[in-house]
N, C-alpha and C. Protein backbone atom coordinates (compact mmCIF):
# COMPACT_ATOMS: atom_id res chain seq x y z
N MET A 1 -27.78 -1.77 -42.35
CA MET A 1 -27.09 -2.98 -42.59
C MET A 1 -27.36 -4.56 -42.40
N ILE A 2 -27.72 -5.12 -43.43
CA ILE A 2 -27.82 -6.87 -42.54
C ILE A 2 -26.28 -7.72 -42.51
N LYS A 3 -26.86 -8.02 -41.27
CA LYS A 3 -25.57 -8.28 -40.39
C LYS A 3 -25.99 -10.15 -40.37
N LYS A 4 -25.16 -10.86 -40.19
CA LYS A 4 -25.59 -12.18 -39.36
C LYS A 4 -26.27 -12.01 -38.27
N GLY A 5 -27.40 -13.30 -38.13
CA GLY A 5 -27.91 -13.35 -36.62
C GLY A 5 -29.35 -12.71 -37.19
N LEU A 6 -29.30 -11.59 -37.89
CA LEU A 6 -30.51 -10.47 -38.12
C LEU A 6 -31.73 -11.41 -38.29
N LYS A 7 -33.02 -11.04 -38.00
CA LYS A 7 -34.27 -11.25 -38.45
C LYS A 7 -34.47 -10.55 -39.85
N VAL A 8 -34.97 -11.09 -40.78
CA VAL A 8 -35.29 -10.66 -42.44
C VAL A 8 -36.31 -11.20 -42.82
N LYS A 9 -37.01 -10.33 -43.66
CA LYS A 9 -38.20 -10.68 -44.54
C LYS A 9 -37.82 -10.58 -46.01
N ILE A 10 -38.23 -11.69 -46.81
CA ILE A 10 -37.90 -11.92 -48.55
C ILE A 10 -38.98 -11.18 -48.76
N LEU A 11 -38.34 -10.09 -49.60
CA LEU A 11 -39.31 -8.94 -50.48
C LEU A 11 -39.69 -9.76 -51.66
N ALA A 12 -38.84 -10.84 -52.49
CA ALA A 12 -39.21 -11.00 -53.97
C ALA A 12 -38.42 -12.92 -54.02
N GLY A 13 -39.11 -13.39 -55.17
CA GLY A 13 -38.75 -14.55 -55.34
C GLY A 13 -39.62 -15.67 -54.89
N LYS A 14 -39.57 -17.02 -55.00
CA LYS A 14 -40.31 -17.68 -54.32
C LYS A 14 -40.76 -17.96 -52.76
N ASP A 15 -39.81 -17.55 -52.20
CA ASP A 15 -40.12 -17.30 -50.82
C ASP A 15 -40.69 -16.14 -50.50
N LYS A 16 -41.23 -15.25 -51.30
CA LYS A 16 -41.60 -13.88 -50.84
C LYS A 16 -42.50 -13.93 -49.86
N ALA A 17 -42.33 -12.63 -48.71
CA ALA A 17 -43.00 -12.64 -47.46
C ALA A 17 -42.87 -13.55 -46.43
N LYS A 18 -42.00 -14.53 -46.22
CA LYS A 18 -41.36 -15.12 -45.31
C LYS A 18 -40.40 -14.42 -44.62
N ASP A 19 -40.31 -15.15 -43.23
CA ASP A 19 -39.31 -14.63 -42.09
C ASP A 19 -38.02 -15.45 -42.02
N GLY A 20 -37.18 -14.98 -41.93
CA GLY A 20 -36.12 -15.97 -41.25
C GLY A 20 -34.75 -15.46 -40.79
N GLU A 21 -33.81 -16.12 -40.42
CA GLU A 21 -32.69 -15.46 -40.00
C GLU A 21 -31.37 -15.64 -40.73
N VAL A 22 -30.76 -14.37 -40.50
CA VAL A 22 -29.34 -14.51 -41.48
C VAL A 22 -28.33 -15.48 -40.96
N ILE A 23 -27.87 -16.51 -41.87
CA ILE A 23 -26.83 -17.31 -41.38
C ILE A 23 -25.36 -17.27 -42.01
N GLU A 24 -25.55 -16.43 -43.09
CA GLU A 24 -24.19 -16.38 -43.79
C GLU A 24 -24.41 -15.40 -44.47
N ILE A 25 -23.14 -14.13 -45.36
CA ILE A 25 -23.29 -13.14 -45.72
C ILE A 25 -21.99 -13.18 -46.87
N ASP A 26 -22.31 -12.87 -47.82
CA ASP A 26 -21.19 -12.63 -48.96
C ASP A 26 -20.82 -11.32 -49.26
N ARG A 27 -20.50 -10.50 -48.93
CA ARG A 27 -20.00 -9.20 -48.76
C ARG A 27 -19.66 -8.99 -50.41
N SER A 28 -18.86 -9.26 -51.07
CA SER A 28 -18.23 -9.05 -52.30
C SER A 28 -19.47 -9.36 -53.56
N ASN A 29 -20.30 -10.61 -53.27
CA ASN A 29 -21.44 -10.15 -54.22
C ASN A 29 -22.68 -9.54 -53.73
N ASN A 30 -22.91 -9.28 -52.46
CA ASN A 30 -23.84 -8.72 -51.84
C ASN A 30 -25.11 -9.49 -51.64
N ARG A 31 -24.64 -10.91 -51.34
CA ARG A 31 -25.73 -11.48 -50.69
C ARG A 31 -25.85 -12.18 -49.71
N ALA A 32 -26.87 -12.79 -49.13
CA ALA A 32 -26.98 -13.52 -47.82
C ALA A 32 -27.77 -14.77 -47.74
N LYS A 33 -27.52 -15.56 -46.82
CA LYS A 33 -28.45 -17.02 -46.92
C LYS A 33 -29.00 -16.72 -45.57
N VAL A 34 -30.38 -17.27 -46.11
CA VAL A 34 -31.36 -17.25 -45.01
C VAL A 34 -31.77 -18.67 -44.26
N LYS A 35 -31.76 -18.92 -43.08
CA LYS A 35 -32.16 -20.14 -42.75
C LYS A 35 -33.63 -20.70 -43.08
N ASP A 36 -33.01 -22.16 -43.67
CA ASP A 36 -34.48 -22.73 -44.17
C ASP A 36 -35.35 -21.99 -45.26
N LEU A 37 -34.56 -21.01 -45.95
CA LEU A 37 -35.41 -20.92 -47.06
C LEU A 37 -34.46 -20.46 -48.37
N ASN A 38 -35.28 -20.52 -49.27
CA ASN A 38 -34.45 -20.16 -50.86
C ASN A 38 -33.59 -21.63 -50.84
N MET A 39 -34.22 -22.77 -50.38
CA MET A 39 -33.79 -23.98 -50.63
C MET A 39 -33.45 -24.34 -51.99
N ILE A 40 -32.21 -24.98 -52.33
CA ILE A 40 -32.07 -25.81 -54.04
C ILE A 40 -31.58 -27.11 -53.16
N LYS A 41 -32.08 -28.02 -54.45
CA LYS A 41 -31.20 -29.24 -54.44
C LYS A 41 -30.00 -29.53 -55.21
N LYS A 42 -29.06 -30.11 -54.23
CA LYS A 42 -27.64 -30.46 -54.13
C LYS A 42 -27.44 -31.95 -54.88
N HIS A 43 -26.93 -32.42 -56.18
CA HIS A 43 -26.77 -33.86 -56.66
C HIS A 43 -25.20 -33.75 -56.03
N VAL A 44 -24.74 -34.92 -54.90
CA VAL A 44 -23.24 -35.21 -54.78
C VAL A 44 -22.77 -36.57 -55.08
N LYS A 45 -22.07 -36.86 -55.72
CA LYS A 45 -21.67 -38.24 -56.68
C LYS A 45 -20.73 -38.82 -55.07
N THR A 46 -20.94 -40.03 -54.89
CA THR A 46 -20.24 -41.27 -54.08
C THR A 46 -18.69 -40.77 -54.19
N THR A 47 -18.07 -40.94 -53.27
CA THR A 47 -16.54 -40.86 -53.25
C THR A 47 -16.33 -42.13 -52.10
N LYS A 48 -15.09 -42.68 -52.05
CA LYS A 48 -14.94 -43.63 -50.96
C LYS A 48 -14.92 -43.15 -49.93
N GLU A 49 -14.99 -41.58 -49.62
CA GLU A 49 -15.08 -41.20 -48.34
C GLU A 49 -16.71 -41.00 -47.83
N LYS A 50 -17.46 -40.38 -49.04
CA LYS A 50 -18.58 -39.36 -48.71
C LYS A 50 -19.78 -40.54 -49.41
N LYS A 51 -20.85 -40.77 -48.77
CA LYS A 51 -21.78 -41.10 -49.18
C LYS A 51 -22.53 -40.04 -50.35
N GLY A 52 -23.22 -40.74 -51.57
CA GLY A 52 -23.58 -39.60 -52.34
C GLY A 52 -25.40 -39.37 -51.90
N GLY A 53 -25.82 -38.81 -52.96
CA GLY A 53 -27.26 -38.45 -53.01
C GLY A 53 -27.68 -37.10 -53.09
N ILE A 54 -28.81 -36.75 -53.21
CA ILE A 54 -29.43 -35.44 -53.18
C ILE A 54 -29.64 -34.78 -51.93
N PHE A 55 -29.10 -33.87 -51.65
CA PHE A 55 -29.09 -33.09 -50.22
C PHE A 55 -29.65 -31.52 -50.62
N SER A 56 -30.86 -31.06 -49.76
CA SER A 56 -31.49 -29.74 -49.60
C SER A 56 -30.67 -28.79 -48.89
N LYS A 57 -30.22 -27.63 -49.37
CA LYS A 57 -29.27 -26.29 -48.96
C LYS A 57 -29.79 -25.11 -49.14
N GLU A 58 -29.46 -24.11 -48.45
CA GLU A 58 -29.81 -22.94 -48.70
C GLU A 58 -29.08 -22.35 -49.77
N ASN A 59 -29.81 -21.24 -50.50
CA ASN A 59 -28.99 -20.62 -51.58
C ASN A 59 -29.00 -19.28 -51.24
N PHE A 60 -28.00 -18.25 -51.76
CA PHE A 60 -27.82 -16.96 -51.57
C PHE A 60 -28.88 -16.09 -52.03
N ILE A 61 -29.20 -15.39 -51.28
CA ILE A 61 -30.42 -14.22 -51.94
C ILE A 61 -29.77 -12.94 -52.15
N HIS A 62 -30.14 -12.02 -52.85
CA HIS A 62 -29.32 -10.71 -53.01
C HIS A 62 -30.11 -9.87 -52.12
N ILE A 63 -29.27 -8.82 -51.32
CA ILE A 63 -29.72 -8.12 -50.32
C ILE A 63 -30.66 -7.28 -50.46
N SER A 64 -30.78 -7.00 -51.68
CA SER A 64 -32.03 -5.88 -52.36
C SER A 64 -33.10 -6.62 -51.84
N ASN A 65 -33.15 -7.83 -52.16
CA ASN A 65 -34.29 -8.36 -51.77
C ASN A 65 -34.94 -9.07 -50.22
N LEU A 66 -34.28 -8.59 -49.29
CA LEU A 66 -34.18 -8.39 -48.03
C LEU A 66 -34.71 -7.12 -47.47
N LYS A 67 -35.47 -7.54 -46.35
CA LYS A 67 -35.96 -6.25 -45.23
C LYS A 67 -35.61 -6.57 -43.73
N ILE A 68 -34.96 -5.66 -43.23
CA ILE A 68 -34.54 -6.42 -41.75
C ILE A 68 -36.00 -6.01 -40.76
N VAL A 69 -36.55 -7.02 -40.38
CA VAL A 69 -37.75 -6.91 -39.22
C VAL A 69 -37.20 -6.44 -37.95
N ASN A 70 -37.81 -5.58 -37.48
CA ASN A 70 -38.09 -4.42 -36.33
C ASN A 70 -38.43 -5.22 -35.33
N GLU A 71 -37.41 -5.84 -34.25
CA GLU A 71 -38.21 -6.93 -33.47
C GLU A 71 -38.27 -6.01 -31.89
N GLN A 72 -38.06 -4.76 -31.82
CA GLN A 72 -38.06 -3.91 -30.51
C GLN A 72 -39.32 -3.85 -30.03
N LYS A 73 -39.39 -3.79 -29.17
CA LYS A 73 -40.67 -3.77 -28.35
C LYS A 73 -41.27 -2.24 -28.12
N LYS A 74 -42.15 -2.09 -28.71
CA LYS A 74 -42.81 -0.63 -28.61
C LYS A 74 -42.86 -0.24 -27.00
N THR A 75 -42.50 0.84 -26.52
CA THR A 75 -43.01 1.17 -24.92
C THR A 75 -43.79 2.31 -25.04
N LYS A 76 -44.86 2.25 -23.75
CA LYS A 76 -45.55 3.16 -23.47
C LYS A 76 -45.00 4.28 -23.51
N LYS A 77 -45.51 5.58 -23.66
CA LYS A 77 -45.06 6.80 -23.47
C LYS A 77 -45.52 7.43 -22.39
N THR A 78 -44.67 7.66 -21.40
CA THR A 78 -45.26 7.96 -20.01
C THR A 78 -45.61 9.74 -20.01
N GLU A 79 -46.73 9.79 -19.04
CA GLU A 79 -47.12 11.50 -19.20
C GLU A 79 -46.25 12.08 -18.55
N ALA A 80 -46.26 13.12 -18.52
CA ALA A 80 -45.46 14.31 -17.58
C ALA A 80 -46.49 14.22 -16.59
N LYS A 81 -46.16 14.53 -15.14
CA LYS A 81 -46.93 14.79 -14.35
C LYS A 81 -46.87 16.47 -14.01
N LYS A 82 -48.04 17.00 -13.99
CA LYS A 82 -48.19 18.44 -13.73
C LYS A 82 -48.28 18.70 -12.16
């Protein structure tokens, strides 16, 4: 199960074979955002409170295109003493 904070690898799309950390999950649509991957451009109009411009932000990726990266260290098997 993919959870927030886990390291994942992208299996499909423009960022294929890249690793990143899950920062947000949308369970109703089975999608997740990965930090600094699948970036899109967002055009924002200027208002009285905010300055407009073009901003980059992460977009959602379907969880079927993500694979959890196992970061557990492998331990050496200890031999039984005879």
